[in-house]
């Protein structure tokens, strides 16, 4: 099935644990994102998969066979680095063909494959240009073409869009993801950008402090975070601390019906987009203390008892600072974390 498996992969640098028993698998043709903040071990893990770094412990299997002792050039993985690492003295044609030459392919075979790659990444006409003459997006396409030319089993992308401006980043993300789906190539993408991971991935591995916090589809990761650490990294959240007694959640601003949970102290998580402000009856009453207009959305900050909550609303109804409002919350989307 061409499945890549990571089993208890660990890595230390100067007594510091960088990766702590990492376990996950990537199926053939799947795009899996390694999502996490800077310094959480994402790129280190990618280099271990590529064979550029040895792990201090664990196993790396492909189709059930260990590849840890297989050299980089025979491993079947290829890595596209954040800075592309194109050869400045080689033109586009020779950059794309570099791996083919190293593999000992004949000139005719090289030319055929390079032309295929130029068509694939839509760079015909750029063959004689040098990296200094290319835009950021064009450099990325050359790096991608060079990687794909050697027909790897696994494509490794290290923060591939971070050096691009916002508009180009979006178009290149769509281009790369479309290419990945077209070729059905197994891909691991490293990113710190949650939106990028949510939009691009079949599954997401959330890494925090060198540990896997959660693995799941974008929907599972966003809608059902396993703990507060995962929830906090995935975007703005509101928390209400309170106590559940007989199915009622009591907090400083009042009370709400709760899902069936054992009595005790909990943090209730509510996303800003799940709180609706109304002038008529709602779940609770609050006061608008701040508002920020963002075009198609308005961000409100409201005071609910002793608590401050953020809300995200469409601009169809606009409330004023100091105005009393009622809050309506979809209780089905509220998540409870034990203290």
C-alpha atoms as a PDB file:
ATOM      1  CA  UNK A   1       0.000   0.000   0.000  1.00  0.00           C
ATOM      2  CA  UNK A   2       3.083   2.270   0.154  1.00  0.00           C
ATOM      3  CA  UNK A   3       2.361   3.472   3.678  1.00  0.00           C
ATOM      4  CA  UNK A   4       4.928   5.541   5.577  1.00  0.00           C
ATOM      5  CA  UNK A   5       4.978   4.805   9.309  1.00  0.00           C
ATOM      6  CA  UNK A   6       6.719   6.683  12.103  1.00  0.00           C
ATOM      7  CA  UNK A   7       7.004   4.659  15.306  1.00  0.00           C
ATOM      8  CA  UNK A   8       8.260   6.289  18.526  1.00  0.00           C
ATOM      9  CA  UNK A   9      10.587   8.682  16.667  1.00  0.00           C
ATOM     10  CA  UNK A  10      12.638  10.695  19.181  1.00  0.00           C
ATOM     11  CA  UNK A  11      15.371  13.325  18.871  1.00  0.00           C
ATOM     12  CA  UNK A  12      17.494  15.280  21.348  1.00  0.00           C
ATOM     13  CA  UNK A  13      19.781  18.266  20.863  1.00  0.00           C
ATOM     14  CA  UNK A  14      22.123  19.144  23.759  1.00  0.00           C
ATOM     15  CA  UNK A  15      19.992  17.244  26.274  1.00  0.00           C
ATOM     16  CA  UNK A  16      16.856  19.025  25.063  1.00  0.00           C
ATOM     17  CA  UNK A  17      14.033  16.785  23.862  1.00  0.00           C
ATOM     18  CA  UNK A  18      13.025  18.055  20.409  1.00  0.00           C
ATOM     19  CA  UNK A  19      10.836  15.101  19.368  1.00  0.00           C
ATOM     20  CA  UNK A  20       9.223  12.877  21.960  1.00  0.00           C
ATOM     21  CA  UNK A  21       8.059   9.461  20.679  1.00  0.00           C
ATOM     22  CA  UNK A  22       6.281  10.618  17.526  1.00  0.00           C
ATOM     23  CA  UNK A  23       3.782   8.136  16.060  1.00  0.00           C
ATOM     24  CA  UNK A  24       1.696   8.519  12.900  1.00  0.00           C
ATOM     25  CA  UNK A  25       1.344   7.101   9.412  1.00  0.00           C
ATOM     26  CA  UNK A  26       0.810   8.543   5.937  1.00  0.00           C
ATOM     27  CA  UNK A  27      -1.169   6.583   3.366  1.00  0.00           C
ATOM     28  CA  UNK A  28      -0.364   6.468  -0.339  1.00  0.00           C
ATOM     29  CA  UNK A  29      -1.534   9.616  -2.140  1.00  0.00           C
ATOM     30  CA  UNK A  30      -2.400  11.397   1.102  1.00  0.00           C
ATOM     31  CA  UNK A  31      -1.394  14.962   1.998  1.00  0.00           C
ATOM     32  CA  UNK A  32      -0.633  15.191   5.706  1.00  0.00           C
ATOM     33  CA  UNK A  33       0.328  18.498   7.323  1.00  0.00           C
ATOM     34  CA  UNK A  34       2.666  18.768  10.294  1.00  0.00           C
ATOM     35  CA  UNK A  35       1.163  21.798  12.024  1.00  0.00           C
ATOM     36  CA  UNK A  36       2.698  23.628  14.960  1.00  0.00           C
ATOM     37  CA  UNK A  37       4.506  26.782  16.099  1.00  0.00           C
ATOM     38  CA  UNK A  38       8.137  27.569  15.330  1.00  0.00           C
ATOM     39  CA  UNK A  39      10.529  25.398  17.317  1.00  0.00           C
ATOM     40  CA  UNK A  40       8.126  22.511  17.931  1.00  0.00           C
ATOM     41  CA  UNK A  41      10.205  20.008  15.910  1.00  0.00           C
ATOM     42  CA  UNK A  42       8.382  19.996  12.555  1.00  0.00           C
ATOM     43  CA  UNK A  43      11.389  20.576  10.280  1.00  0.00           C
ATOM     44  CA  UNK A  44      13.575  18.257  12.376  1.00  0.00           C
ATOM     45  CA  UNK A  45      11.020  15.505  11.841  1.00  0.00           C
ATOM     46  CA  UNK A  46      10.911  16.199   8.100  1.00  0.00           C
ATOM     47  CA  UNK A  47      14.722  15.935   7.911  1.00  0.00           C
ATOM     48  CA  UNK A  48      14.609  12.592   9.726  1.00  0.00           C
ATOM     49  CA  UNK A  49      12.100  11.277   7.187  1.00  0.00           C
ATOM     50  CA  UNK A  50      14.297  12.565   4.348  1.00  0.00           C
ATOM     51  CA  UNK A  51      17.399  10.926   5.834  1.00  0.00           C
ATOM     52  CA  UNK A  52      19.181  14.213   6.502  1.00  0.00           C
ATOM     53  CA  UNK A  53      19.165  13.622  10.281  1.00  0.00           C
ATOM     54  CA  UNK A  54      19.261  10.345  12.235  1.00  0.00           C
ATOM     55  CA  UNK A  55      16.689   9.852  15.005  1.00  0.00           C
ATOM     56  CA  UNK A  56      17.868   8.980  18.515  1.00  0.00           C
ATOM     57  CA  UNK A  57      15.169   6.355  18.785  1.00  0.00           C
ATOM     58  CA  UNK A  58      12.246   4.811  16.970  1.00  0.00           C
ATOM     59  CA  UNK A  59      11.503   3.266  13.609  1.00  0.00           C
ATOM     60  CA  UNK A  60      10.725   4.665  10.161  1.00  0.00           C
ATOM     61  CA  UNK A  61       8.978   2.155   7.913  1.00  0.00           C
ATOM     62  CA  UNK A  62       7.889   2.196   4.294  1.00  0.00           C
ATOM     63  CA  UNK A  63       5.652  -0.674   3.256  1.00  0.00           C
ATOM     64  CA  UNK A  64       6.572  -2.342   6.541  1.00  0.00           C
ATOM     65  CA  UNK A  65      10.328  -2.197   5.878  1.00  0.00           C
ATOM     66  CA  UNK A  66      12.773   0.002   7.773  1.00  0.00           C
ATOM     67  CA  UNK A  67      14.348   2.794   5.708  1.00  0.00           C
ATOM     68  CA  UNK A  68      16.516   4.296   8.466  1.00  0.00           C
ATOM     69  CA  UNK A  69      19.709   2.790   7.064  1.00  0.00           C
ATOM     70  CA  UNK A  70      18.893   3.582   3.438  1.00  0.00           C
ATOM     71  CA  UNK A  71      20.898   6.591   2.147  1.00  0.00           C
ATOM     72  CA  UNK A  72      19.147   9.778   1.117  1.00  0.00           C
ATOM     73  CA  UNK A  73      19.528   9.235  -2.621  1.00  0.00           C
ATOM     74  CA  UNK A  74      17.918   5.764  -2.476  1.00  0.00           C
ATOM     75  CA  UNK A  75      15.237   6.437   0.121  1.00  0.00           C
ATOM     76  CA  UNK A  76      12.509   7.508  -2.302  1.00  0.00           C
ATOM     77  CA  UNK A  77      11.855  10.776  -0.483  1.00  0.00           C
ATOM     78  CA  UNK A  78      12.643  14.278  -1.705  1.00  0.00           C
ATOM     79  CA  UNK A  79      12.513  17.534   0.253  1.00  0.00           C
ATOM     80  CA  UNK A  80      11.637  21.002  -1.018  1.00  0.00           C
ATOM     81  CA  UNK A  81      13.193  23.481   1.389  1.00  0.00           C
ATOM     82  CA  UNK A  82      11.677  26.724   2.630  1.00  0.00           C
ATOM     83  CA  UNK A  83      14.299  28.765   0.725  1.00  0.00           C
ATOM     84  CA  UNK A  84      14.057  26.521  -2.392  1.00  0.00           C
ATOM     85  CA  UNK A  85      17.889  26.106  -2.587  1.00  0.00           C
ATOM     86  CA  UNK A  86      18.075  26.480  -6.356  1.00  0.00           C
ATOM     87  CA  UNK A  87      21.575  26.461  -7.824  1.00  0.00           C
ATOM     88  CA  UNK A  88      22.262  30.125  -8.707  1.00  0.00           C
ATOM     89  CA  UNK A  89      24.790  29.218 -11.455  1.00  0.00           C
ATOM     90  CA  UNK A  90      22.344  26.897 -13.244  1.00  0.00           C
ATOM     91  CA  UNK A  91      19.425  27.977 -15.401  1.00  0.00           C
ATOM     92  CA  UNK A  92      15.888  26.599 -14.980  1.00  0.00           C
ATOM     93  CA  UNK A  93      16.503  23.706 -17.390  1.00  0.00           C
ATOM     94  CA  UNK A  94      19.613  22.538 -15.575  1.00  0.00           C
ATOM     95  CA  UNK A  95      18.152  23.073 -12.120  1.00  0.00           C
ATOM     96  CA  UNK A  96      15.212  20.815 -12.959  1.00  0.00           C
ATOM     97  CA  UNK A  97      17.492  18.230 -14.529  1.00  0.00           C
ATOM     98  CA  UNK A  98      20.040  18.138 -11.701  1.00  0.00           C
ATOM     99  CA  UNK A  99      18.666  15.058  -9.954  1.00  0.00           C
ATOM    100  CA  UNK A 100      18.277  13.242 -13.245  1.00  0.00           C
ATOM    101  CA  UNK A 101      21.943  13.838 -14.089  1.00  0.00           C
ATOM    102  CA  UNK A 102      23.003  12.645 -10.633  1.00  0.00           C
ATOM    103  CA  UNK A 103      20.946   9.485 -11.230  1.00  0.00           C
ATOM    104  CA  UNK A 104      22.870   8.859 -14.452  1.00  0.00           C
ATOM    105  CA  UNK A 105      19.956   9.342 -16.845  1.00  0.00           C
ATOM    106  CA  UNK A 106      20.807   9.799 -20.523  1.00  0.00           C
ATOM    107  CA  UNK A 107      20.411  13.165 -22.261  1.00  0.00           C
ATOM    108  CA  UNK A 108      17.344  12.108 -24.211  1.00  0.00           C
ATOM    109  CA  UNK A 109      15.599  10.809 -21.101  1.00  0.00           C
ATOM    110  CA  UNK A 110      16.584  13.954 -19.188  1.00  0.00           C
ATOM    111  CA  UNK A 111      15.188  16.231 -21.901  1.00  0.00           C
ATOM    112  CA  UNK A 112      11.912  14.329 -22.048  1.00  0.00           C
ATOM    113  CA  UNK A 113      11.410  14.484 -18.278  1.00  0.00           C
ATOM    114  CA  UNK A 114      12.469  18.153 -18.012  1.00  0.00           C
ATOM    115  CA  UNK A 115       9.959  19.106 -20.700  1.00  0.00           C
ATOM    116  CA  UNK A 116       7.269  17.153 -18.855  1.00  0.00           C
ATOM    117  CA  UNK A 117       8.089  19.034 -15.652  1.00  0.00           C
ATOM    118  CA  UNK A 118       8.119  22.433 -17.394  1.00  0.00           C
ATOM    119  CA  UNK A 119       4.644  21.713 -18.713  1.00  0.00           C
ATOM    120  CA  UNK A 120       3.467  20.407 -15.353  1.00  0.00           C
ATOM    121  CA  UNK A 121       4.529  23.553 -13.463  1.00  0.00           C
ATOM    122  CA  UNK A 122       3.638  25.870 -16.352  1.00  0.00           C
ATOM    123  CA  UNK A 123       7.138  27.264 -16.940  1.00  0.00           C
ATOM    124  CA  UNK A 124       7.705  26.637 -20.648  1.00  0.00           C
ATOM    125  CA  UNK A 125       9.642  29.604 -21.999  1.00  0.00           C
ATOM    126  CA  UNK A 126      11.655  30.022 -18.785  1.00  0.00           C
ATOM    127  CA  UNK A 127      14.201  27.281 -19.531  1.00  0.00           C
ATOM    128  CA  UNK A 128      17.164  29.633 -19.992  1.00  0.00           C
ATOM    129  CA  UNK A 129      16.411  31.960 -17.097  1.00  0.00           C
ATOM    130  CA  UNK A 130      18.480  31.914 -13.921  1.00  0.00           C
ATOM    131  CA  UNK A 131      17.083  31.951 -10.353  1.00  0.00           C
ATOM    132  CA  UNK A 132      17.936  35.652  -9.926  1.00  0.00           C
ATOM    133  CA  UNK A 133      15.594  36.429 -12.837  1.00  0.00           C
ATOM    134  CA  UNK A 134      12.602  34.610 -11.329  1.00  0.00           C
ATOM    135  CA  UNK A 135       9.848  35.696  -8.953  1.00  0.00           C
ATOM    136  CA  UNK A 136       9.281  33.889  -5.656  1.00  0.00           C
ATOM    137  CA  UNK A 137       6.433  31.848  -7.100  1.00  0.00           C
ATOM    138  CA  UNK A 138       8.484  30.867 -10.150  1.00  0.00           C
ATOM    139  CA  UNK A 139      11.413  29.784  -7.971  1.00  0.00           C
ATOM    140  CA  UNK A 140       9.057  27.615  -5.981  1.00  0.00           C
ATOM    141  CA  UNK A 141       7.746  25.971  -9.146  1.00  0.00           C
ATOM    142  CA  UNK A 142      11.287  25.228 -10.304  1.00  0.00           C
ATOM    143  CA  UNK A 143      12.117  23.665  -6.916  1.00  0.00           C
ATOM    144  CA  UNK A 144       8.928  21.608  -7.107  1.00  0.00           C
ATOM    145  CA  UNK A 145       9.705  20.492 -10.679  1.00  0.00           C
ATOM    146  CA  UNK A 146      13.251  19.485  -9.678  1.00  0.00           C
ATOM    147  CA  UNK A 147      11.842  17.402  -6.813  1.00  0.00           C
ATOM    148  CA  UNK A 148       9.147  15.713  -8.903  1.00  0.00           C
ATOM    149  CA  UNK A 149      11.463  14.982 -11.845  1.00  0.00           C
ATOM    150  CA  UNK A 150      13.102  12.081  -9.985  1.00  0.00           C
ATOM    151  CA  UNK A 151       9.662  10.543  -9.297  1.00  0.00           C
ATOM    152  CA  UNK A 152       9.869  10.272  -5.494  1.00  0.00           C
ATOM    153  CA  UNK A 153       7.588   8.043  -3.462  1.00  0.00           C
ATOM    154  CA  UNK A 154       7.163  10.745  -0.807  1.00  0.00           C
ATOM    155  CA  UNK A 155       7.291  14.529  -1.301  1.00  0.00           C
ATOM    156  CA  UNK A 156       8.358  16.595   1.732  1.00  0.00           C
ATOM    157  CA  UNK A 157       7.494  20.304   1.752  1.00  0.00           C
ATOM    158  CA  UNK A 158       9.068  22.540   4.404  1.00  0.00           C
ATOM    159  CA  UNK A 159       7.012  25.739   4.881  1.00  0.00           C
ATOM    160  CA  UNK A 160       6.615  26.015   1.085  1.00  0.00           C
ATOM    161  CA  UNK A 161       4.562  29.235   1.068  1.00  0.00           C
ATOM    162  CA  UNK A 162       6.081  31.227   3.937  1.00  0.00           C
ATOM    163  CA  UNK A 163       8.363  33.355   1.708  1.00  0.00           C
ATOM    164  CA  UNK A 164       5.526  34.490  -0.557  1.00  0.00           C
ATOM    165  CA  UNK A 165       3.272  37.517  -0.139  1.00  0.00           C
ATOM    166  CA  UNK A 166      -0.323  36.895   0.925  1.00  0.00           C
ATOM    167  CA  UNK A 167      -1.890  36.991  -2.569  1.00  0.00           C
ATOM    168  CA  UNK A 168       0.753  34.779  -4.179  1.00  0.00           C
ATOM    169  CA  UNK A 169       0.704  32.430  -1.182  1.00  0.00           C
ATOM    170  CA  UNK A 170      -2.945  31.621  -1.772  1.00  0.00           C
ATOM    171  CA  UNK A 171      -2.558  30.985  -5.507  1.00  0.00           C
ATOM    172  CA  UNK A 172       0.560  28.846  -5.019  1.00  0.00           C
ATOM    173  CA  UNK A 173      -1.133  26.828  -2.283  1.00  0.00           C
ATOM    174  CA  UNK A 174      -3.993  26.070  -4.658  1.00  0.00           C
ATOM    175  CA  UNK A 175      -1.506  25.224  -7.428  1.00  0.00           C
ATOM    176  CA  UNK A 176       0.592  22.862  -5.292  1.00  0.00           C
ATOM    177  CA  UNK A 177      -2.428  21.130  -3.755  1.00  0.00           C
ATOM    178  CA  UNK A 178      -3.990  20.693  -7.186  1.00  0.00           C
ATOM    179  CA  UNK A 179      -0.730  19.217  -8.456  1.00  0.00           C
ATOM    180  CA  UNK A 180      -0.537  16.845  -5.502  1.00  0.00           C
ATOM    181  CA  UNK A 181      -4.063  15.585  -6.130  1.00  0.00           C
ATOM    182  CA  UNK A 182      -3.372  15.224  -9.865  1.00  0.00           C
ATOM    183  CA  UNK A 183      -0.200  13.187  -9.335  1.00  0.00           C
ATOM    184  CA  UNK A 184      -1.570  11.364  -6.262  1.00  0.00           C
ATOM    185  CA  UNK A 185       1.841  11.645  -4.658  1.00  0.00           C
ATOM    186  CA  UNK A 186       2.222  10.970  -0.942  1.00  0.00           C
ATOM    187  CA  UNK A 187       3.053  14.352   0.626  1.00  0.00           C
ATOM    188  CA  UNK A 188       4.001  15.714   4.032  1.00  0.00           C
ATOM    189  CA  UNK A 189       3.705  19.495   4.392  1.00  0.00           C
ATOM    190  CA  UNK A 190       5.239  21.421   7.285  1.00  0.00           C
ATOM    191  CA  UNK A 191       3.467  24.638   8.269  1.00  0.00           C
ATOM    192  CA  UNK A 192       2.851  26.941  11.230  1.00  0.00           C
ATOM    193  CA  UNK A 193      -0.222  28.402   9.517  1.00  0.00           C
ATOM    194  CA  UNK A 194      -3.440  26.760  10.728  1.00  0.00           C
ATOM    195  CA  UNK A 195      -5.485  28.083   7.802  1.00  0.00           C
ATOM    196  CA  UNK A 196      -2.981  26.649   5.348  1.00  0.00           C
ATOM    197  CA  UNK A 197      -3.154  23.255   7.063  1.00  0.00           C
ATOM    198  CA  UNK A 198      -6.955  23.268   7.255  1.00  0.00           C
ATOM    199  CA  UNK A 199      -7.330  24.154   3.575  1.00  0.00           C
ATOM    200  CA  UNK A 200      -4.630  21.841   2.208  1.00  0.00           C
ATOM    201  CA  UNK A 201      -4.688  18.611   4.168  1.00  0.00           C
ATOM    202  CA  UNK A 202      -6.344  15.236   4.112  1.00  0.00           C
ATOM    203  CA  UNK A 203      -5.183  14.889   7.706  1.00  0.00           C
ATOM    204  CA  UNK A 204      -3.298  17.067  10.184  1.00  0.00           C
ATOM    205  CA  UNK A 205      -0.707  16.079  12.792  1.00  0.00           C
ATOM    206  CA  UNK A 206      -0.658  18.794  15.451  1.00  0.00           C
ATOM    207  CA  UNK A 207       2.779  19.087  17.083  1.00  0.00           C
ATOM    208  CA  UNK A 208       3.340  21.125  20.237  1.00  0.00           C
ATOM    209  CA  UNK A 209       6.585  21.063  22.241  1.00  0.00           C
ATOM    210  CA  UNK A 210       7.846  18.029  20.356  1.00  0.00           C
ATOM    211  CA  UNK A 211       4.755  15.921  21.088  1.00  0.00           C
ATOM    212  CA  UNK A 212       1.814  14.887  18.938  1.00  0.00           C
ATOM    213  CA  UNK A 213      -1.216  16.547  20.512  1.00  0.00           C
ATOM    214  CA  UNK A 214      -3.789  15.329  18.018  1.00  0.00           C
ATOM    215  CA  UNK A 215      -4.170  13.635  14.630  1.00  0.00           C
ATOM    216  CA  UNK A 216      -7.280  13.975  12.510  1.00  0.00           C
ATOM    217  CA  UNK A 217      -9.026  15.482   9.508  1.00  0.00           C
ATOM    218  CA  UNK A 218      -9.197  19.285   9.333  1.00  0.00           C
ATOM    219  CA  UNK A 219     -12.789  19.096  10.579  1.00  0.00           C
ATOM    220  CA  UNK A 220     -11.851  16.893  13.539  1.00  0.00           C
ATOM    221  CA  UNK A 221      -8.861  19.021  14.496  1.00  0.00           C
ATOM    222  CA  UNK A 222     -10.802  22.287  14.403  1.00  0.00           C
ATOM    223  CA  UNK A 223     -14.200  21.218  15.715  1.00  0.00           C
ATOM    224  CA  UNK A 224     -13.076  18.630  18.277  1.00  0.00           C
ATOM    225  CA  UNK A 225      -9.748  19.659  19.849  1.00  0.00           C
ATOM    226  CA  UNK A 226      -8.620  17.093  22.404  1.00  0.00           C
ATOM    227  CA  UNK A 227      -7.281  19.555  24.950  1.00  0.00           C
ATOM    228  CA  UNK A 228      -6.910  23.271  25.684  1.00  0.00           C
ATOM    229  CA  UNK A 229      -3.401  23.392  24.214  1.00  0.00           C
ATOM    230  CA  UNK A 230      -4.698  22.143  20.860  1.00  0.00           C
ATOM    231  CA  UNK A 231      -7.710  24.443  20.985  1.00  0.00           C
ATOM    232  CA  UNK A 232      -5.586  27.500  21.802  1.00  0.00           C
ATOM    233  CA  UNK A 233      -3.229  26.939  18.878  1.00  0.00           C
ATOM    234  CA  UNK A 234      -6.066  26.528  16.390  1.00  0.00           C
ATOM    235  CA  UNK A 235      -7.429  30.033  16.784  1.00  0.00           C
ATOM    236  CA  UNK A 236      -9.280  32.473  18.974  1.00  0.00           C
ATOM    237  CA  UNK A 237     -11.320  30.858  21.701  1.00  0.00           C
ATOM    238  CA  UNK A 238     -13.401  32.014  24.631  1.00  0.00           C
ATOM    239  CA  UNK A 239     -13.247  30.188  27.933  1.00  0.00           C
ATOM    240  CA  UNK A 240     -15.671  30.281  30.811  1.00  0.00           C
ATOM    241  CA  UNK A 241     -14.600  28.632  34.042  1.00  0.00           C
ATOM    242  CA  UNK A 242     -17.409  27.135  36.036  1.00  0.00           C
ATOM    243  CA  UNK A 243     -18.862  24.122  37.749  1.00  0.00           C
ATOM    244  CA  UNK A 244     -21.265  21.482  36.529  1.00  0.00           C
ATOM    245  CA  UNK A 245     -23.916  20.301  38.937  1.00  0.00           C
ATOM    246  CA  UNK A 246     -26.683  17.977  37.770  1.00  0.00           C
ATOM    247  CA  UNK A 247     -26.351  18.944  34.104  1.00  0.00           C
ATOM    248  CA  UNK A 248     -26.140  22.722  34.668  1.00  0.00           C
ATOM    249  CA  UNK A 249     -22.959  24.733  34.056  1.00  0.00           C
ATOM    250  CA  UNK A 250     -22.698  27.562  36.591  1.00  0.00           C
ATOM    251  CA  UNK A 251     -20.310  30.450  35.868  1.00  0.00           C
ATOM    252  CA  UNK A 252     -19.866  34.041  37.041  1.00  0.00           C
ATOM    253  CA  UNK A 253     -22.353  35.400  34.512  1.00  0.00           C
ATOM    254  CA  UNK A 254     -25.124  32.921  35.066  1.00  0.00           C
ATOM    255  CA  UNK A 255     -25.879  29.341  34.083  1.00  0.00           C
ATOM    256  CA  UNK A 256     -26.221  27.196  30.953  1.00  0.00           C
ATOM    257  CA  UNK A 257     -27.533  23.731  30.243  1.00  0.00           C
ATOM    258  CA  UNK A 258     -24.628  21.337  29.758  1.00  0.00           C
ATOM    259  CA  UNK A 259     -23.890  18.025  28.113  1.00  0.00           C
ATOM    260  CA  UNK A 260     -23.906  15.020  30.416  1.00  0.00           C
ATOM    261  CA  UNK A 261     -20.748  15.247  32.469  1.00  0.00           C
ATOM    262  CA  UNK A 262     -19.736  14.264  35.969  1.00  0.00           C
ATOM    263  CA  UNK A 263     -20.138  17.068  38.462  1.00  0.00           C
ATOM    264  CA  UNK A 264     -16.961  19.105  38.852  1.00  0.00           C
ATOM    265  CA  UNK A 265     -15.008  22.167  37.673  1.00  0.00           C
ATOM    266  CA  UNK A 266     -14.601  22.690  33.919  1.00  0.00           C
ATOM    267  CA  UNK A 267     -13.451  25.166  31.311  1.00  0.00           C
ATOM    268  CA  UNK A 268     -16.163  25.747  28.708  1.00  0.00           C
ATOM    269  CA  UNK A 269     -14.785  26.632  25.265  1.00  0.00           C
ATOM    270  CA  UNK A 270     -16.863  28.765  22.904  1.00  0.00           C
ATOM    271  CA  UNK A 271     -15.576  29.976  19.535  1.00  0.00           C
ATOM    272  CA  UNK A 272     -16.172  33.652  18.645  1.00  0.00           C
ATOM    273  CA  UNK A 273     -18.180  32.704  15.539  1.00  0.00           C
ATOM    274  CA  UNK A 274     -20.556  30.584  17.651  1.00  0.00           C
ATOM    275  CA  UNK A 275     -21.721  33.506  19.777  1.00  0.00           C
ATOM    276  CA  UNK A 276     -24.527  35.582  18.275  1.00  0.00           C
ATOM    277  CA  UNK A 277     -25.469  38.997  19.609  1.00  0.00           C
ATOM    278  CA  UNK A 278     -29.173  39.779  19.665  1.00  0.00           C
ATOM    279  CA  UNK A 279     -31.518  42.461  20.927  1.00  0.00           C
ATOM    280  CA  UNK A 280     -34.158  39.921  21.833  1.00  0.00           C
ATOM    281  CA  UNK A 281     -33.960  37.014  24.267  1.00  0.00           C
ATOM    282  CA  UNK A 282     -30.822  34.855  24.339  1.00  0.00           C
ATOM    283  CA  UNK A 283     -28.824  32.578  26.646  1.00  0.00           C
ATOM    284  CA  UNK A 284     -27.328  35.457  28.645  1.00  0.00           C
ATOM    285  CA  UNK A 285     -27.052  39.274  28.836  1.00  0.00           C
ATOM    286  CA  UNK A 286     -23.856  41.243  28.189  1.00  0.00           C
ATOM    287  CA  UNK A 287     -22.451  44.718  27.439  1.00  0.00           C
ATOM    288  CA  UNK A 288     -20.493  45.686  24.283  1.00  0.00           C
ATOM    289  CA  UNK A 289     -17.092  47.019  25.388  1.00  0.00           C
ATOM    290  CA  UNK A 290     -15.247  47.100  22.045  1.00  0.00           C
ATOM    291  CA  UNK A 291     -15.813  46.596  18.325  1.00  0.00           C
ATOM    292  CA  UNK A 292     -13.521  46.313  15.276  1.00  0.00           C
ATOM    293  CA  UNK A 293     -14.803  46.475  11.706  1.00  0.00           C
ATOM    294  CA  UNK A 294     -13.077  44.052   9.304  1.00  0.00           C
ATOM    295  CA  UNK A 295     -15.116  44.368   6.104  1.00  0.00           C
ATOM    296  CA  UNK A 296     -17.223  41.237   5.904  1.00  0.00           C
ATOM    297  CA  UNK A 297     -16.956  40.636   9.663  1.00  0.00           C
ATOM    298  CA  UNK A 298     -17.177  42.638  12.864  1.00  0.00           C
ATOM    299  CA  UNK A 299     -15.245  41.626  15.963  1.00  0.00           C
ATOM    300  CA  UNK A 300     -16.965  42.463  19.250  1.00  0.00           C
ATOM    301  CA  UNK A 301     -15.699  42.205  22.791  1.00  0.00           C
ATOM    302  CA  UNK A 302     -18.460  41.830  25.364  1.00  0.00           C
ATOM    303  CA  UNK A 303     -18.551  41.695  29.159  1.00  0.00           C
ATOM    304  CA  UNK A 304     -20.587  38.806  30.511  1.00  0.00           C
ATOM    305  CA  UNK A 305     -20.714  39.069  34.287  1.00  0.00           C
ATOM    306  CA  UNK A 306     -17.035  39.078  35.263  1.00  0.00           C
ATOM    307  CA  UNK A 307     -15.967  37.452  32.000  1.00  0.00           C
ATOM    308  CA  UNK A 308     -14.778  39.020  28.705  1.00  0.00           C
ATOM    309  CA  UNK A 309     -15.763  37.234  25.497  1.00  0.00           C
ATOM    310  CA  UNK A 310     -14.951  37.844  21.827  1.00  0.00           C
ATOM    311  CA  UNK A 311     -17.643  37.463  19.163  1.00  0.00           C
ATOM    312  CA  UNK A 312     -17.439  37.398  15.360  1.00  0.00           C
ATOM    313  CA  UNK A 313     -20.521  38.642  13.531  1.00  0.00           C
ATOM    314  CA  UNK A 314     -21.684  39.504  10.034  1.00  0.00           C
ATOM    315  CA  UNK A 315     -22.174  43.267   9.570  1.00  0.00           C
ATOM    316  CA  UNK A 316     -25.925  42.933   8.932  1.00  0.00           C
ATOM    317  CA  UNK A 317     -26.656  44.269  12.429  1.00  0.00           C
ATOM    318  CA  UNK A 318     -24.230  46.701  14.053  1.00  0.00           C
ATOM    319  CA  UNK A 319     -24.111  47.241  17.808  1.00  0.00           C
ATOM    320  CA  UNK A 320     -22.562  50.180  19.636  1.00  0.00           C
ATOM    321  CA  UNK A 321     -20.000  50.236  22.432  1.00  0.00           C
ATOM    322  CA  UNK A 322     -21.863  50.367  25.746  1.00  0.00           C
ATOM    323  CA  UNK A 323     -25.002  48.790  24.304  1.00  0.00           C
ATOM    324  CA  UNK A 324     -26.711  46.000  26.261  1.00  0.00           C
ATOM    325  CA  UNK A 325     -27.208  42.834  24.196  1.00  0.00           C
ATOM    326  CA  UNK A 326     -28.276  39.246  24.645  1.00  0.00           C
ATOM    327  CA  UNK A 327     -26.012  36.361  23.727  1.00  0.00           C
ATOM    328  CA  UNK A 328     -27.186  33.318  21.865  1.00  0.00           C
ATOM    329  CA  UNK A 329     -24.833  30.322  21.871  1.00  0.00           C
ATOM    330  CA  UNK A 330     -25.143  27.005  20.047  1.00  0.00           C
ATOM    331  CA  UNK A 331     -24.787  24.683  23.014  1.00  0.00           C
ATOM    332  CA  UNK A 332     -24.123  21.687  20.724  1.00  0.00           C
ATOM    333  CA  UNK A 333     -20.803  23.232  19.635  1.00  0.00           C
ATOM    334  CA  UNK A 334     -19.564  24.051  23.117  1.00  0.00           C
ATOM    335  CA  UNK A 335     -16.639  21.922  24.324  1.00  0.00           C
ATOM    336  CA  UNK A 336     -15.859  21.179  27.961  1.00  0.00           C
ATOM    337  CA  UNK A 337     -12.363  20.554  29.300  1.00  0.00           C
ATOM    338  CA  UNK A 338     -11.881  19.348  32.899  1.00  0.00           C
ATOM    339  CA  UNK A 339      -9.789  21.720  34.994  1.00  0.00           C
END
